[in-house]
Structures are given as C-alpha cells and as structure tokens.
Amino acid sequence: MNELYPIGDVARRTGLNVSAVRFYADEGIVPPSGFSEGGFRLYDVTAIARLELVRTLRDLGVCSTNVRREHDAEPQNSRRTDKSMTTGRPPTAVSAICRR
C-alpha cells in the first residue's frame, strides 16, 4: 500500500506551506513521488518524512544549499525506502550550518 497525497495534505502534515513544498521539489531536494492525471504533484510517506527532515534542518538554521548538498552526496543505493530517513551515518549537512 503506497498511498500518494496531494501537495495541500503534505503541506499540512509537514508544517510547511505549499510554496515551500514546491520550492523543495523544484530544487530537487524532495521531488514528488508521482503526478495525478491532472498533473498535480503527489507525495508518498517517504517524501513526507524527507520534507519533515528538511523542515527540521531549516528550523535548526541549515540552509537549503547544504540540505541539497547532503542529498546529492548520499549514494543512491543507501537511500532508505521505508519511513526512516537515516542512512546509518551522521548527516553532514547538520555540521554545515549556514552563517547568516
């Protein structure tokens, strides 16, 4: 059972606004899991968990550039497909907090 959720539901579940979810998708940080027949973005629970992680890192002061750098540096085969976002190693983005 791999249920997909529309962007409005995802925004409510993650505490982000719809434009932030779109921004992270457009930047390639958390791409949509699929699209509806009408072309609307849809997200599964793994993408929602990643968005929650992005929101938490943002709240800690990590900028989206460093979040994306961590995402890009993570090997494809180490990315988890379950609800957990851990890869068995500490995230390097956390140690690279942006200076304002």
N, C-alpha and C. Protein backbone atom coordinates (compact mmCIF):
# COMPACT_ATOMS: atom_id res chain seq x y z
N MET A 1 0.84 -1.18 0.00
CA MET A 1 0.00 0.00 0.00
C MET A 1 0.89 1.24 0.00
N ASN A 2 0.98 1.88 -1.14
CA ASN A 2 1.82 3.06 -1.28
C ASN A 2 0.92 4.25 -1.64
N GLU A 3 0.24 4.78 -0.64
CA GLU A 3 -0.71 5.85 -0.86
C GLU A 3 0.02 7.15 -1.19
N LEU A 4 -0.54 7.91 -2.12
CA LEU A 4 0.02 9.20 -2.51
C LEU A 4 -0.91 10.31 -2.04
N TYR A 5 -0.30 11.40 -1.59
CA TYR A 5 -1.04 12.52 -1.02
C TYR A 5 -0.82 13.78 -1.86
N PRO A 6 -1.88 14.59 -2.03
CA PRO A 6 -1.73 15.85 -2.77
C PRO A 6 -0.93 16.86 -1.96
N ILE A 7 -0.42 17.85 -2.63
CA ILE A 7 0.51 18.80 -2.03
C ILE A 7 -0.10 19.55 -0.84
N GLY A 8 -1.39 19.86 -0.89
CA GLY A 8 -2.03 20.54 0.24
C GLY A 8 -2.02 19.70 1.50
N ASP A 9 -2.31 18.42 1.36
CA ASP A 9 -2.25 17.50 2.51
C ASP A 9 -0.83 17.38 3.03
N VAL A 10 0.12 17.31 2.12
CA VAL A 10 1.53 17.21 2.51
C VAL A 10 1.96 18.46 3.27
N ALA A 11 1.56 19.62 2.80
CA ALA A 11 1.90 20.87 3.48
C ALA A 11 1.35 20.87 4.90
N ARG A 12 0.10 20.46 5.07
CA ARG A 12 -0.50 20.42 6.41
C ARG A 12 0.22 19.41 7.31
N ARG A 13 0.57 18.26 6.77
CA ARG A 13 1.22 17.21 7.58
C ARG A 13 2.63 17.59 7.99
N THR A 14 3.33 18.37 7.15
CA THR A 14 4.72 18.70 7.43
C THR A 14 4.91 20.04 8.13
N GLY A 15 3.88 20.87 8.13
CA GLY A 15 4.01 22.20 8.72
C GLY A 15 4.65 23.20 7.78
N LEU A 16 4.85 22.81 6.53
CA LEU A 16 5.38 23.72 5.51
C LEU A 16 4.21 24.31 4.75
N ASN A 17 4.43 25.42 4.07
CA ASN A 17 3.37 25.91 3.20
C ASN A 17 3.56 25.30 1.81
N VAL A 18 2.53 25.38 0.98
CA VAL A 18 2.54 24.74 -0.34
C VAL A 18 3.69 25.27 -1.19
N SER A 19 3.95 26.57 -1.11
CA SER A 19 5.04 27.13 -1.93
C SER A 19 6.40 26.58 -1.50
N ALA A 20 6.58 26.29 -0.21
CA ALA A 20 7.84 25.70 0.25
C ALA A 20 7.99 24.27 -0.27
N VAL A 21 6.91 23.51 -0.26
CA VAL A 21 6.95 22.14 -0.80
C VAL A 21 7.31 22.20 -2.28
N ARG A 22 6.69 23.12 -3.02
CA ARG A 22 7.02 23.28 -4.45
C ARG A 22 8.48 23.67 -4.63
N PHE A 23 8.97 24.59 -3.79
CA PHE A 23 10.37 25.02 -3.88
C PHE A 23 11.31 23.84 -3.72
N TYR A 24 11.09 23.01 -2.68
CA TYR A 24 11.97 21.86 -2.45
C TYR A 24 11.87 20.85 -3.59
N ALA A 25 10.71 20.74 -4.20
CA ALA A 25 10.57 19.86 -5.37
C ALA A 25 11.32 20.44 -6.56
N ASP A 26 11.15 21.73 -6.83
CA ASP A 26 11.81 22.38 -7.97
C ASP A 26 13.33 22.37 -7.83
N GLU A 27 13.81 22.44 -6.60
CA GLU A 27 15.25 22.41 -6.35
C GLU A 27 15.82 20.99 -6.38
N GLY A 28 14.94 19.99 -6.46
CA GLY A 28 15.40 18.61 -6.50
C GLY A 28 15.71 18.03 -5.14
N ILE A 29 15.36 18.74 -4.08
CA ILE A 29 15.64 18.26 -2.72
C ILE A 29 14.67 17.15 -2.34
N VAL A 30 13.38 17.37 -2.60
CA VAL A 30 12.35 16.36 -2.36
C VAL A 30 11.40 16.37 -3.55
N PRO A 31 11.73 15.60 -4.57
CA PRO A 31 10.85 15.55 -5.75
C PRO A 31 9.55 14.83 -5.42
N PRO A 32 8.49 15.15 -6.16
CA PRO A 32 7.23 14.44 -5.95
C PRO A 32 7.39 12.95 -6.26
N SER A 33 6.59 12.14 -5.62
CA SER A 33 6.62 10.70 -5.84
C SER A 33 5.86 10.31 -7.10
N GLY A 34 5.01 11.20 -7.56
CA GLY A 34 4.21 10.94 -8.75
C GLY A 34 3.38 12.16 -9.08
N PHE A 35 2.54 11.99 -10.07
CA PHE A 35 1.66 13.08 -10.51
C PHE A 35 0.26 12.51 -10.73
N SER A 36 -0.74 13.33 -10.47
CA SER A 36 -2.12 12.93 -10.73
C SER A 36 -2.37 13.00 -12.23
N GLU A 37 -3.53 12.51 -12.66
CA GLU A 37 -3.88 12.59 -14.08
C GLU A 37 -3.93 14.03 -14.55
N GLY A 38 -4.25 14.95 -13.64
CA GLY A 38 -4.30 16.37 -13.98
C GLY A 38 -2.95 17.06 -13.90
N GLY A 39 -1.89 16.33 -13.55
CA GLY A 39 -0.55 16.89 -13.49
C GLY A 39 -0.16 17.48 -12.14
N PHE A 40 -0.97 17.24 -11.11
CA PHE A 40 -0.66 17.77 -9.79
C PHE A 40 0.34 16.85 -9.09
N ARG A 41 1.21 17.46 -8.28
CA ARG A 41 2.25 16.70 -7.56
C ARG A 41 1.62 15.85 -6.46
N LEU A 42 2.14 14.64 -6.32
CA LEU A 42 1.70 13.72 -5.28
C LEU A 42 2.92 13.20 -4.53
N TYR A 43 2.77 12.97 -3.23
CA TYR A 43 3.89 12.56 -2.38
C TYR A 43 3.52 11.33 -1.56
N ASP A 44 4.50 10.41 -1.42
CA ASP A 44 4.29 9.25 -0.56
C ASP A 44 4.85 9.53 0.83
N VAL A 45 4.73 8.55 1.73
CA VAL A 45 5.17 8.77 3.11
C VAL A 45 6.68 8.98 3.22
N THR A 46 7.45 8.40 2.32
CA THR A 46 8.90 8.61 2.34
C THR A 46 9.23 10.06 2.00
N ALA A 47 8.57 10.60 1.00
CA ALA A 47 8.79 12.00 0.63
C ALA A 47 8.32 12.93 1.76
N ILE A 48 7.22 12.57 2.40
CA ILE A 48 6.73 13.38 3.52
C ILE A 48 7.74 13.37 4.67
N ALA A 49 8.32 12.21 4.95
CA ALA A 49 9.34 12.12 6.00
C ALA A 49 10.55 12.97 5.65
N ARG A 50 10.95 12.96 4.39
CA ARG A 50 12.10 13.77 3.96
C ARG A 50 11.77 15.25 4.11
N LEU A 51 10.55 15.66 3.75
CA LEU A 51 10.14 17.06 3.92
C LEU A 51 10.14 17.45 5.40
N GLU A 52 9.72 16.55 6.27
CA GLU A 52 9.78 16.83 7.70
C GLU A 52 11.22 17.02 8.16
N LEU A 53 12.13 16.20 7.61
CA LEU A 53 13.54 16.36 7.93
C LEU A 53 14.06 17.71 7.43
N VAL A 54 13.70 18.07 6.21
CA VAL A 54 14.12 19.37 5.65
C VAL A 54 13.60 20.50 6.52
N ARG A 55 12.33 20.41 6.95
CA ARG A 55 11.77 21.45 7.82
C ARG A 55 12.54 21.54 9.13
N THR A 56 12.87 20.39 9.71
CA THR A 56 13.62 20.38 10.96
C THR A 56 15.00 21.00 10.77
N LEU A 57 15.68 20.63 9.69
CA LEU A 57 17.01 21.21 9.43
C LEU A 57 16.90 22.71 9.21
N ARG A 58 15.86 23.15 8.49
CA ARG A 58 15.65 24.58 8.27
C ARG A 58 15.45 25.28 9.61
N ASP A 59 14.63 24.68 10.49
CA ASP A 59 14.39 25.26 11.81
C ASP A 59 15.67 25.34 12.64
N LEU A 60 16.61 24.44 12.38
CA LEU A 60 17.90 24.46 13.08
C LEU A 60 18.89 25.44 12.46
N GLY A 61 18.51 26.04 11.32
CA GLY A 61 19.37 27.03 10.69
C GLY A 61 20.19 26.52 9.53
N VAL A 62 19.95 25.30 9.10
CA VAL A 62 20.67 24.75 7.95
C VAL A 62 20.01 25.29 6.69
N CYS A 63 20.79 25.87 5.80
CA CYS A 63 20.21 26.45 4.58
C CYS A 63 19.94 25.35 3.55
N SER A 64 19.07 25.65 2.60
CA SER A 64 18.66 24.65 1.60
C SER A 64 19.83 24.21 0.73
N THR A 65 20.83 25.06 0.55
CA THR A 65 22.00 24.67 -0.23
C THR A 65 22.71 23.50 0.44
N ASN A 66 22.86 23.55 1.75
CA ASN A 66 23.52 22.47 2.47
C ASN A 66 22.64 21.22 2.55
N VAL A 67 21.33 21.41 2.65
CA VAL A 67 20.43 20.26 2.64
C VAL A 67 20.54 19.56 1.30
N ARG A 68 20.56 20.34 0.22
CA ARG A 68 20.69 19.74 -1.11
C ARG A 68 22.05 19.06 -1.28
N ARG A 69 23.10 19.67 -0.77
CA ARG A 69 24.44 19.08 -0.86
C ARG A 69 24.45 17.72 -0.18
N GLU A 70 23.81 17.61 0.98
CA GLU A 70 23.74 16.33 1.69
C GLU A 70 22.95 15.32 0.86
N HIS A 71 21.84 15.77 0.30
CA HIS A 71 21.00 14.88 -0.52
C HIS A 71 21.78 14.39 -1.73
N ASP A 72 22.50 15.27 -2.41
CA ASP A 72 23.25 14.90 -3.60
C ASP A 72 24.43 13.99 -3.27
N ALA A 73 25.02 14.16 -2.07
CA ALA A 73 26.18 13.36 -1.69
C ALA A 73 25.80 11.96 -1.23
N GLU A 74 24.55 11.77 -0.88
CA GLU A 74 24.09 10.47 -0.39
C GLU A 74 24.00 9.49 -1.56
N PRO A 75 24.72 8.37 -1.50
CA PRO A 75 24.66 7.40 -2.59
C PRO A 75 23.24 6.89 -2.80
N GLN A 76 22.85 6.71 -4.06
CA GLN A 76 21.50 6.26 -4.38
C GLN A 76 21.16 4.95 -3.69
N ASN A 77 22.12 4.03 -3.61
CA ASN A 77 21.81 2.73 -3.03
C ASN A 77 21.71 2.76 -1.51
N SER A 78 22.12 3.87 -0.87
CA SER A 78 22.00 3.94 0.58
C SER A 78 20.72 4.64 1.00
N ARG A 79 19.97 5.20 0.06
CA ARG A 79 18.72 5.89 0.39
C ARG A 79 17.69 4.86 0.82
N ARG A 80 17.09 5.12 1.95
CA ARG A 80 16.12 4.19 2.51
C ARG A 80 14.79 4.36 1.80
N THR A 81 14.06 3.29 1.65
CA THR A 81 12.74 3.38 1.04
C THR A 81 11.63 3.21 2.07
N ASP A 82 12.01 3.04 3.34
CA ASP A 82 10.98 2.95 4.37
C ASP A 82 10.75 4.33 4.98
N LYS A 83 10.02 4.39 6.08
CA LYS A 83 9.66 5.68 6.67
C LYS A 83 10.84 6.34 7.37
N SER A 84 11.91 5.62 7.60
CA SER A 84 13.08 6.17 8.28
C SER A 84 13.93 6.95 7.29
N MET A 85 14.46 8.07 7.74
CA MET A 85 15.30 8.88 6.86
C MET A 85 16.78 8.72 7.20
N THR A 86 17.11 7.82 8.09
CA THR A 86 18.51 7.65 8.45
C THR A 86 19.21 6.74 7.46
N THR A 87 20.47 6.99 7.24
CA THR A 87 21.26 6.18 6.31
C THR A 87 22.33 5.39 7.04
N GLY A 88 22.31 5.43 8.38
CA GLY A 88 23.33 4.71 9.12
C GLY A 88 24.60 5.52 9.31
N ARG A 89 24.59 6.77 8.88
CA ARG A 89 25.74 7.64 9.08
C ARG A 89 25.24 9.03 9.45
N PRO A 90 26.02 9.79 10.20
CA PRO A 90 25.54 11.11 10.59
C PRO A 90 25.43 12.04 9.39
N PRO A 91 24.38 12.86 9.33
CA PRO A 91 24.24 13.77 8.20
C PRO A 91 25.28 14.88 8.23
N THR A 92 25.95 15.08 7.10
CA THR A 92 26.98 16.10 7.05
C THR A 92 26.38 17.49 6.98
N ALA A 93 25.14 17.62 6.52
CA ALA A 93 24.51 18.94 6.42
C ALA A 93 24.32 19.58 7.79
N VAL A 94 24.11 18.77 8.82
CA VAL A 94 23.90 19.32 10.14
C VAL A 94 25.13 20.05 10.62
N SER A 95 26.30 19.58 10.25
CA SER A 95 27.53 20.21 10.70
C SER A 95 27.89 21.44 9.87
N ALA A 96 27.13 21.68 8.80
CA ALA A 96 27.44 22.81 7.92
C ALA A 96 26.33 23.86 8.01
N ILE A 97 26.08 24.35 9.20
CA ILE A 97 25.01 25.34 9.39
C ILE A 97 25.43 26.66 8.74
N CYS A 98 24.49 27.23 8.00
CA CYS A 98 24.76 28.49 7.30
C CYS A 98 24.95 29.62 8.28
N ARG A 99 25.87 30.48 7.97
CA ARG A 99 26.03 31.71 8.74
C ARG A 99 25.16 32.76 8.09
N ARG A 100 24.44 33.48 8.89
CA ARG A 100 23.52 34.50 8.35
C ARG A 100 24.22 35.80 8.13
